[in-house]
Amino acid sequence: MADTQDPIFQIQRVYLKEASLEQPNSPAILLVQEQPTVDIQLGVNAAPVADGVYEVSVTATVQTKINDKTVFLVEATQAGIFEIRNLPQEQMGQIMGIACPQIVYPYLRGNVADLIQRAGFPPVHLSEINFQAMYEQQQQQQATQAEPALAQ
């Protein structure tokens, strides 16, 4: 018989929550022979869904421009539903900020590359992300922002 206090970490589902593609300056911009600049922004969000069940999502925004004109803009959010129970509270931030995004992110990478390629462009491959470094940087920023509030 299993101990009811054993830690539980299970993936319930991984899904594409949102995806959009815009080409506001097509077709004229497609005839320009310059190399576009590429800007990629990533974000991680975690929220409780039910008792012991959480949604963790990773969002990517990929914008390419030639001069100041957008070639294409892709926004996509890949999410996962995770059952997480009987873990110490101090580990929850790391699980939802590092472990869960590492599971969801490869799906996001594939969907973004596929969407861009299906739009008629060479695929943009999102690079590997060190979610631990990203999490630690966010924690450091939050601690720095909290310090002035404590001094008042």
Protein backbone atom coordinates (compact mmCIF):
# COMPACT_ATOMS: atom_id res chain seq x y z
CA MET A 1 0.00 0.00 0.00
CA ALA A 2 1.40 3.40 -0.99
CA ASP A 3 2.03 6.04 1.61
CA THR A 4 -0.47 8.86 1.08
CA GLN A 5 2.31 11.39 1.79
CA ASP A 6 4.57 10.26 -1.09
CA PRO A 7 5.48 13.15 -3.37
CA ILE A 8 3.48 13.21 -6.61
CA PHE A 9 4.62 14.91 -9.83
CA GLN A 10 2.65 13.92 -12.91
CA ILE A 11 2.02 15.48 -16.29
CA GLN A 12 -1.72 15.49 -16.95
CA ARG A 13 -1.60 17.15 -20.38
CA VAL A 14 0.58 19.34 -22.61
CA TYR A 15 -1.25 21.54 -25.11
CA LEU A 16 -0.93 24.55 -27.41
CA LYS A 17 -2.96 27.17 -25.58
CA GLU A 18 -2.65 30.05 -28.03
CA ALA A 19 -0.91 30.78 -31.32
CA SER A 20 -1.10 33.74 -33.66
CA LEU A 21 0.79 34.84 -36.75
CA GLU A 22 0.65 38.28 -38.32
CA GLN A 23 2.21 39.51 -41.57
CA PRO A 24 1.04 43.13 -41.53
CA ASN A 25 3.29 44.33 -44.38
CA SER A 26 2.86 41.42 -46.80
CA PRO A 27 3.21 41.07 -49.70
CA ALA A 28 5.45 44.14 -50.28
CA ILE A 29 7.88 43.32 -47.45
CA LEU A 30 8.43 39.85 -48.93
CA LEU A 31 10.07 41.41 -51.98
CA VAL A 32 12.73 43.25 -49.93
CA GLN A 33 16.09 41.49 -50.18
CA GLU A 34 17.53 42.60 -46.81
CA GLN A 35 18.13 40.27 -43.87
CA PRO A 36 15.52 40.82 -41.17
CA THR A 37 16.35 41.29 -37.51
CA VAL A 38 14.81 38.76 -35.14
CA ASP A 39 13.64 39.59 -31.61
CA ILE A 40 12.56 36.73 -29.33
CA GLN A 41 10.92 37.22 -25.93
CA LEU A 42 10.04 34.39 -23.53
CA GLY A 43 7.90 34.26 -20.43
CA VAL A 44 6.83 31.64 -17.89
CA ASN A 45 3.57 31.67 -15.94
CA ALA A 46 2.22 29.26 -13.33
CA ALA A 47 -1.24 29.20 -11.77
CA PRO A 48 -3.24 26.78 -9.64
CA VAL A 49 -6.14 25.08 -11.44
CA ALA A 50 -7.47 22.89 -8.65
CA ASP A 51 -6.17 21.41 -5.41
CA GLY A 52 -2.72 20.01 -6.24
CA VAL A 53 -3.15 20.74 -9.97
CA TYR A 54 -1.31 23.57 -11.73
CA GLU A 55 -1.08 25.03 -15.21
CA VAL A 56 2.40 26.10 -16.25
CA SER A 57 2.76 27.94 -19.54
CA VAL A 58 5.68 29.20 -21.60
CA THR A 59 5.03 32.06 -24.01
CA ALA A 60 7.22 33.06 -26.95
CA THR A 61 6.97 36.22 -29.00
CA VAL A 62 9.02 36.19 -32.20
CA GLN A 63 9.14 39.37 -34.25
CA THR A 64 11.17 39.87 -37.42
CA LYS A 65 11.67 43.30 -38.96
CA ILE A 66 13.33 44.84 -41.94
CA ASN A 67 14.19 48.41 -41.03
CA ASP A 68 11.16 49.38 -38.93
CA LYS A 69 8.61 47.27 -40.80
CA THR A 70 7.42 43.97 -39.36
CA VAL A 71 7.91 40.96 -41.61
CA PHE A 72 6.06 38.64 -39.25
CA LEU A 73 5.04 38.43 -35.62
CA VAL A 74 4.35 35.10 -33.92
CA GLU A 75 2.95 34.79 -30.41
CA ALA A 76 2.48 31.32 -28.99
CA THR A 77 1.74 29.88 -25.57
CA GLN A 78 2.36 26.23 -24.79
CA ALA A 79 0.95 24.99 -21.51
CA GLY A 80 0.96 21.92 -19.36
CA ILE A 81 -1.27 20.70 -16.57
CA PHE A 82 0.68 19.11 -13.75
CA GLU A 83 -0.40 17.29 -10.63
CA ILE A 84 1.99 18.25 -7.84
CA ARG A 85 1.29 17.04 -4.32
CA ASN A 86 3.11 16.44 -1.04
CA LEU A 87 6.15 18.52 -1.92
CA PRO A 88 7.69 20.99 0.53
CA GLN A 89 6.49 24.53 -0.20
CA GLU A 90 10.07 25.76 -0.69
CA GLN A 91 10.44 23.36 -3.66
CA MET A 92 7.24 24.42 -5.44
CA GLY A 93 8.77 27.56 -6.97
CA GLN A 94 11.60 25.58 -8.50
CA ILE A 95 9.29 22.84 -9.77
CA MET A 96 6.95 25.32 -11.45
CA GLY A 97 9.70 27.72 -12.56
CA ILE A 98 12.26 25.18 -13.79
CA ALA A 99 11.06 21.56 -14.09
CA CYS A 100 7.63 22.20 -15.65
CA PRO A 101 8.84 24.76 -18.23
CA GLN A 102 11.61 22.35 -19.27
CA ILE A 103 8.91 19.78 -20.09
CA VAL A 104 6.64 22.22 -21.96
CA TYR A 105 9.30 24.22 -23.87
CA PRO A 106 10.28 21.61 -26.51
CA TYR A 107 6.65 21.49 -27.67
CA LEU A 108 6.62 25.29 -27.93
CA ARG A 109 9.86 25.27 -29.95
CA GLY A 110 8.41 22.78 -32.43
CA ASN A 111 5.09 24.60 -32.78
CA VAL A 112 6.73 28.01 -33.33
CA ALA A 113 9.15 26.64 -35.95
CA ASP A 114 6.29 24.81 -37.71
CA LEU A 115 3.99 27.85 -37.70
CA ILE A 116 6.68 30.10 -39.16
CA GLN A 117 7.62 27.55 -41.82
CA ARG A 118 3.97 27.00 -42.80
CA ALA A 119 3.68 30.78 -43.24
CA GLY A 120 6.30 30.53 -45.99
CA PHE A 121 9.40 31.58 -44.08
CA PRO A 122 12.54 29.69 -43.09
CA PRO A 123 11.84 28.27 -39.61
CA VAL A 124 13.09 30.21 -36.62
CA HIS A 125 14.41 27.73 -34.09
CA LEU A 126 14.16 28.95 -30.53
CA SER A 127 17.40 28.21 -28.73
CA GLU A 128 17.67 25.95 -25.71
CA ILE A 129 16.83 27.79 -22.50
CA ASN A 130 18.43 27.33 -19.11
CA PHE A 131 15.26 27.67 -17.03
CA GLN A 132 17.25 27.36 -13.81
CA ALA A 133 19.31 30.45 -14.66
CA MET A 134 16.15 32.27 -15.78
CA TYR A 135 14.39 31.34 -12.51
CA GLU A 136 17.36 32.42 -10.38
CA GLN A 137 17.55 35.75 -12.23
CA GLN A 138 13.82 36.36 -11.61
CA GLN A 139 14.23 35.51 -7.92
CA GLN A 140 17.15 37.93 -7.67
CA GLN A 141 15.15 40.70 -9.38
CA GLN A 142 12.20 40.13 -7.03
CA ALA A 143 14.49 40.27 -3.99
CA THR A 144 16.08 43.50 -5.25
CA GLN A 145 12.65 45.08 -5.83
CA ALA A 146 11.47 44.02 -2.36
CA GLU A 147 14.42 45.62 -0.55
CA PRO A 148 13.27 49.28 -0.99
CA ALA A 149 9.80 48.33 0.26
CA LEU A 150 11.29 46.82 3.42
CA ALA A 151 13.33 49.99 4.11
CA GLN A 152 10.24 52.19 4.33
